[in-house]
Protein backbone atom coordinates (compact mmCIF):
# COMPACT_ATOMS: atom_id res chain seq x y z
CA MET A 1 71.57 -18.86 21.07
CA SER A 2 70.46 -15.90 19.73
CA THR A 3 67.53 -14.10 18.83
CA SER A 4 67.36 -15.53 15.72
CA ASP A 5 67.27 -18.99 17.72
CA LEU A 6 64.74 -17.33 20.06
CA TYR A 7 62.18 -16.83 16.69
CA HIS A 8 62.93 -19.80 15.13
CA THR A 9 63.70 -22.57 17.27
CA PHE A 10 61.42 -21.81 20.08
CA ARG A 11 58.59 -19.48 18.53
CA ILE A 12 59.63 -16.64 20.89
CA PRO A 13 58.84 -13.26 18.33
CA GLY A 14 59.43 -10.08 19.67
CA THR A 15 62.55 -10.72 22.00
CA GLN A 16 66.25 -10.13 22.04
CA TYR A 17 68.32 -12.37 23.82
CA ILE A 18 70.72 -11.77 26.32
CA SER A 19 72.12 -14.05 27.95
CA THR A 20 72.00 -18.34 28.65
CA PHE A 21 72.63 -20.14 31.89
CA PHE A 22 72.50 -23.85 32.99
CA LEU A 23 70.99 -25.13 36.23
CA GLY A 24 71.28 -28.56 37.02
CA GLN A 25 68.46 -30.29 33.86
CA LYS A 26 67.14 -26.39 33.49
CA THR A 27 68.86 -24.07 30.81
CA VAL A 28 67.02 -20.48 31.94
CA ILE A 29 67.72 -18.20 28.98
CA HIS A 30 67.56 -13.97 29.71
CA GLY A 31 66.17 -11.91 27.51
CA SER A 32 64.06 -8.43 26.92
CA ILE A 33 61.23 -7.07 25.37
CA SER A 34 61.82 -5.65 22.06
CA GLN A 35 61.11 -1.82 21.54
CA LYS A 36 58.14 -3.25 18.70
CA GLN A 37 56.12 -4.88 21.45
CA ARG A 38 55.92 -1.12 23.46
CA LYS A 39 51.69 -0.52 22.98
CA CYS A 40 48.83 0.21 24.92
CA PRO A 41 46.92 -3.11 25.17
CA ASP A 42 43.78 -1.06 25.14
CA CYS A 43 43.75 1.26 22.75
CA LYS A 44 46.81 0.30 20.39
CA SER A 45 48.34 3.43 20.42
CA ARG A 46 52.20 3.54 20.56
CA LYS A 47 52.25 6.99 21.81
CA VAL A 48 53.28 5.14 25.40
CA ILE A 49 56.32 6.55 28.12
CA LYS A 50 57.95 3.54 30.12
CA PHE A 51 56.53 3.25 33.96
CA GLY A 52 58.53 0.55 35.98
CA GLN A 53 59.71 -2.70 34.61
CA ILE A 54 58.79 -6.13 35.64
CA LYS A 55 60.35 -9.36 35.82
CA ARG A 56 58.53 -12.42 34.42
CA THR A 57 59.49 -16.01 33.76
CA PHE A 58 57.53 -18.11 31.18
CA LYS A 59 58.37 -22.23 30.41
CA MET A 60 59.37 -22.90 26.84
CA VAL A 61 59.30 -26.10 25.03
CA PRO A 62 62.17 -28.25 26.39
CA VAL A 63 64.92 -29.75 24.53
CA GLY A 64 64.93 -33.67 25.18
CA ASN A 65 64.89 -34.02 28.94
CA CYS A 66 66.46 -30.12 29.67
CA LYS A 67 63.76 -28.01 31.01
CA VAL A 68 63.80 -24.48 29.46
CA ASP A 69 62.69 -21.66 30.98
CA LEU A 70 62.62 -17.85 29.52
CA VAL A 71 63.17 -14.95 32.03
CA VAL A 72 62.23 -11.28 30.46
CA LYS A 73 62.30 -7.99 31.54
CA ILE A 74 58.73 -6.16 31.07
CA GLY A 75 58.86 -2.46 31.01
CA ARG A 76 55.05 -1.45 32.25
CA ILE A 77 53.97 1.86 30.22
CA GLN A 78 51.35 4.41 30.18
CA CYS A 79 49.61 5.71 27.73
CA LYS A 80 49.35 9.09 26.41
CA ASP A 81 45.97 8.33 24.99
CA CYS A 82 43.92 6.60 27.38
CA ASP A 83 46.02 7.15 29.94
CA ALA A 84 46.02 3.22 31.10
CA ILE A 85 49.05 1.66 32.64
CA LYS A 86 49.74 -1.71 31.68
CA GLN A 87 51.93 -4.31 30.93
CA PRO A 88 52.18 -4.90 26.81
CA ARG A 89 50.62 -7.95 25.45
CA LEU A 90 53.20 -10.44 24.45
CA SER A 91 53.46 -12.17 21.15
CA PHE A 92 54.79 -15.28 22.54
CA ALA A 93 52.25 -15.94 25.71
CA ASP A 94 48.84 -15.21 26.59
CA PRO A 95 47.50 -12.82 29.49
CA LYS A 96 48.28 -14.86 32.74
CA LYS A 97 50.00 -17.75 31.93
CA HIS A 98 53.42 -18.45 32.39
CA TYR A 99 54.04 -20.51 29.47
CA THR A 100 54.58 -19.93 26.36
CA ARG A 101 52.21 -20.58 23.29
CA ALA A 102 54.57 -22.97 21.81
CA LEU A 103 54.52 -24.79 24.78
CA GLU A 104 50.75 -24.86 25.08
CA ARG A 105 50.69 -26.25 21.30
CA TYR A 106 53.41 -29.21 22.29
CA THR A 107 51.67 -30.17 25.15
CA ILE A 108 48.18 -30.97 23.45
CA ASP A 109 49.89 -32.49 21.12
CA LEU A 110 51.38 -34.74 23.83
CA CYS A 111 48.22 -35.46 25.11
CA ARG A 112 46.92 -37.25 22.19
CA LEU A 113 49.71 -39.81 23.14
CA MET A 114 50.45 -39.94 26.60
CA THR A 115 48.57 -39.40 30.19
CA ILE A 116 48.26 -35.95 31.78
CA GLN A 117 50.67 -37.06 34.49
CA ASN A 118 53.48 -38.19 32.20
CA VAL A 119 53.05 -35.05 29.63
CA ALA A 120 53.77 -33.04 33.45
CA ALA A 121 56.45 -34.82 33.88
CA LEU A 122 57.95 -34.12 30.63
CA THR A 123 57.17 -30.51 30.23
CA GLY A 124 58.10 -29.39 33.39
CA LEU A 125 54.06 -27.99 33.98
CA SER A 126 52.04 -29.28 37.01
CA TRP A 127 49.04 -31.81 36.55
CA ASP A 128 46.45 -28.91 36.74
CA THR A 129 48.01 -26.94 34.40
CA VAL A 130 48.19 -29.74 31.99
CA LYS A 131 44.88 -30.78 32.31
CA ASP A 132 43.53 -26.93 31.93
CA ILE A 133 45.61 -26.56 28.82
CA HIS A 134 43.77 -29.83 27.52
CA LYS A 135 40.24 -29.23 28.26
CA ARG A 136 40.40 -25.46 27.08
CA HIS A 137 41.90 -27.01 24.09
CA LEU A 138 38.31 -30.06 23.78
CA CYS A 139 36.26 -27.47 24.77
CA LYS A 140 37.20 -25.06 21.71
CA LYS A 141 37.36 -28.29 19.26
CA CYS A 142 34.49 -29.10 20.86
CA LYS A 143 32.33 -25.88 21.12
CA SER A 144 30.84 -25.89 17.41
CA PHE A 145 30.51 -28.38 15.13
CA LYS A 146 27.70 -29.23 12.19
CA LEU A 147 25.16 -32.12 13.33
CA ASN A 148 23.95 -32.10 9.92
CA GLN A 149 26.63 -33.77 8.63
CA VAL A 150 26.24 -36.77 11.02
CA ARG A 151 24.50 -39.91 9.57
CA CYS A 152 24.87 -43.00 12.57
CA ILE A 153 24.98 -42.06 16.15
CA VAL A 154 25.63 -44.13 19.36
CA ILE A 155 23.82 -43.55 22.64
CA ASP A 156 24.67 -45.39 25.99
CA GLU A 157 25.32 -44.31 29.85
CA LYS A 158 27.91 -44.96 31.80
CA TYR A 159 28.94 -44.73 35.79
CA LEU A 160 31.42 -42.63 36.95
CA GLY A 161 31.33 -42.97 40.76
CA LYS A 162 28.64 -42.13 43.72
CA LYS A 163 29.50 -38.44 43.33
CA THR A 164 28.34 -37.84 39.42
CA LYS A 165 26.79 -41.18 39.07
CA PHE A 166 25.23 -41.43 35.91
CA VAL A 167 25.83 -39.67 32.01
CA THR A 168 24.56 -40.20 29.09
CA ILE A 169 26.93 -39.90 26.50
CA VAL A 170 25.79 -40.03 22.07
CA LEU A 171 29.01 -40.19 19.83
CA ASP A 172 29.23 -39.64 15.97
CA LEU A 173 29.71 -43.42 14.53
CA ASP A 174 31.73 -42.40 11.98
CA THR A 175 33.90 -40.09 13.80
CA GLY A 176 34.29 -40.96 17.21
CA ARG A 177 33.15 -37.41 18.21
CA VAL A 178 31.42 -36.63 21.11
CA LEU A 179 28.50 -35.06 20.43
CA HIS A 180 26.40 -34.62 23.72
CA VAL A 181 26.58 -35.06 27.49
CA GLY A 182 23.70 -35.32 29.86
CA GLN A 183 24.27 -35.64 33.65
CA SER A 184 21.73 -38.37 34.12
CA LYS A 185 20.43 -41.46 32.86
CA GLY A 186 17.04 -41.57 30.95
CA LYS A 187 15.48 -40.69 27.99
CA ASP A 188 14.38 -36.68 29.62
CA THR A 189 18.51 -36.39 29.44
CA LEU A 190 18.27 -36.18 25.53
CA LEU A 191 15.97 -33.68 24.88
CA VAL A 192 18.36 -31.04 24.65
CA PHE A 193 20.12 -33.28 22.00
CA TRP A 194 16.94 -33.82 20.29
CA LYS A 195 16.42 -30.17 19.61
CA ARG A 196 19.31 -29.78 18.44
CA LEU A 197 19.17 -32.37 15.81
CA LYS A 198 16.31 -31.52 14.95
CA ARG A 199 17.12 -27.49 14.09
CA SER A 200 20.47 -29.08 12.60
CA LYS A 201 17.57 -30.81 9.88
CA ALA A 202 20.10 -34.12 10.07
CA LYS A 203 19.51 -37.58 8.35
CA ILE A 204 20.19 -39.69 11.13
CA GLU A 205 20.11 -43.62 9.23
CA ALA A 206 21.24 -45.88 12.28
CA VAL A 207 20.90 -45.55 15.82
CA ALA A 208 23.12 -47.98 18.37
CA ILE A 209 21.94 -48.14 21.81
CA ASP A 210 21.40 -50.90 24.65
CA MET A 211 18.77 -52.43 25.14
CA ALA A 212 17.43 -50.18 27.86
CA SER A 213 13.54 -49.30 27.02
CA GLY A 214 13.76 -45.35 27.56
CA PHE A 215 16.21 -45.12 25.15
CA MET A 216 14.45 -47.30 23.06
CA ALA A 217 11.55 -45.23 23.36
CA ALA A 218 13.25 -41.99 22.53
CA VAL A 219 14.63 -42.95 19.20
CA LEU A 220 11.12 -44.71 17.93
CA GLU A 221 9.13 -41.20 19.11
CA HIS A 222 12.31 -38.49 17.64
CA LEU A 223 14.19 -40.80 14.97
CA PRO A 224 11.33 -43.09 13.71
CA GLU A 225 12.97 -43.36 10.29
CA ALA A 226 16.68 -44.55 11.24
CA ASP A 227 17.27 -47.99 11.69
CA LEU A 228 17.39 -49.18 15.15
CA ILE A 229 20.93 -51.43 16.39
CA LEU A 230 21.33 -52.99 19.17
CA ASP A 231 24.05 -53.56 21.40
CA HIS A 232 25.73 -56.70 20.31
CA PHE A 233 26.40 -57.89 24.67
CA HIS A 234 23.08 -56.77 25.90
CA LEU A 235 21.69 -58.54 23.14
CA VAL A 236 23.58 -61.64 23.61
CA LYS A 237 22.46 -61.02 27.43
CA TRP A 238 19.32 -60.85 27.03
CA PHE A 239 18.73 -64.08 24.89
CA ASN A 240 21.37 -65.88 28.44
CA GLU A 241 18.82 -64.63 30.16
CA LYS A 242 16.19 -66.13 28.22
CA LEU A 243 17.45 -69.60 27.86
CA THR A 244 18.21 -69.56 31.58
CA LEU A 245 14.98 -69.10 32.52
CA LEU A 246 13.48 -71.60 29.86
CA ARG A 247 16.15 -74.22 31.48
CA ARG A 248 14.86 -73.85 34.85
CA GLN A 249 11.10 -74.01 33.48
CA LEU A 250 11.67 -77.01 31.95
CA TYR A 251 13.84 -78.52 34.66
CA THR A 252 10.74 -77.63 37.05
CA GLN A 253 8.29 -79.08 34.42
CA ALA A 254 10.29 -82.32 34.12
CA SER A 255 10.72 -82.60 37.78
CA ILE A 256 6.63 -82.46 38.27
CA GLY A 257 5.94 -85.06 36.00
CA GLU A 258 8.56 -87.43 36.96
CA SER A 259 6.98 -87.22 41.02
CA VAL A 260 3.36 -87.12 39.82
CA ALA A 261 4.46 -90.50 37.31
CA SER A 262 5.93 -92.41 40.28
CA PRO A 263 4.09 -94.43 41.91
């Protein structure tokens, strides 16, 4: 192990390698922050003096089944320009995080293939930490996107339990991207989405929905030129219910006819 290995293999820049220890299934790497990282996090001035020292531990990308921790000595600094006393910003980890940015990116990639529980077991992070990392990534990814590129959408409602009850979800049929999530059901929960869609000047060609009358009325009102596509499952269910009703009526009529015709 060397300083070069920390930089190229584990993506830990600005850190000098000191030593390595092995504790069971965990590898602990000790290092120190280089002098180049010593600048004020507020005013970016390099006119700073050392003001104490603190030791911090960061979780790194695991090697196989072996967890890897990085223990670094971080010198607190006092800025001569703004008189602030703080820790310098680290180039490999975000403030107040106990894991490196490389591990965060690795966790995001794993979440595409595995459950949160499995990712937590592999990386050594807690379930809540993995969930927060994945949630921040999804919020950043889905925060801004162009609705004017959307052509076909799907509107459906989903029951999430007694506490949350129903949510209404709008999806882009071509990409599968979530466009809107309403915290209830019915056409009123889509009012915000219709306003966004109108501002984007999107040319929606088709809308797929179930047979809820509220969704049908909302689509006909806000997207009168779009093709209305009914969900196959609910359409077949509706036809089966009508056939069952028709069978019962025919059976009742036949029973009444037989009773009248009998002497």
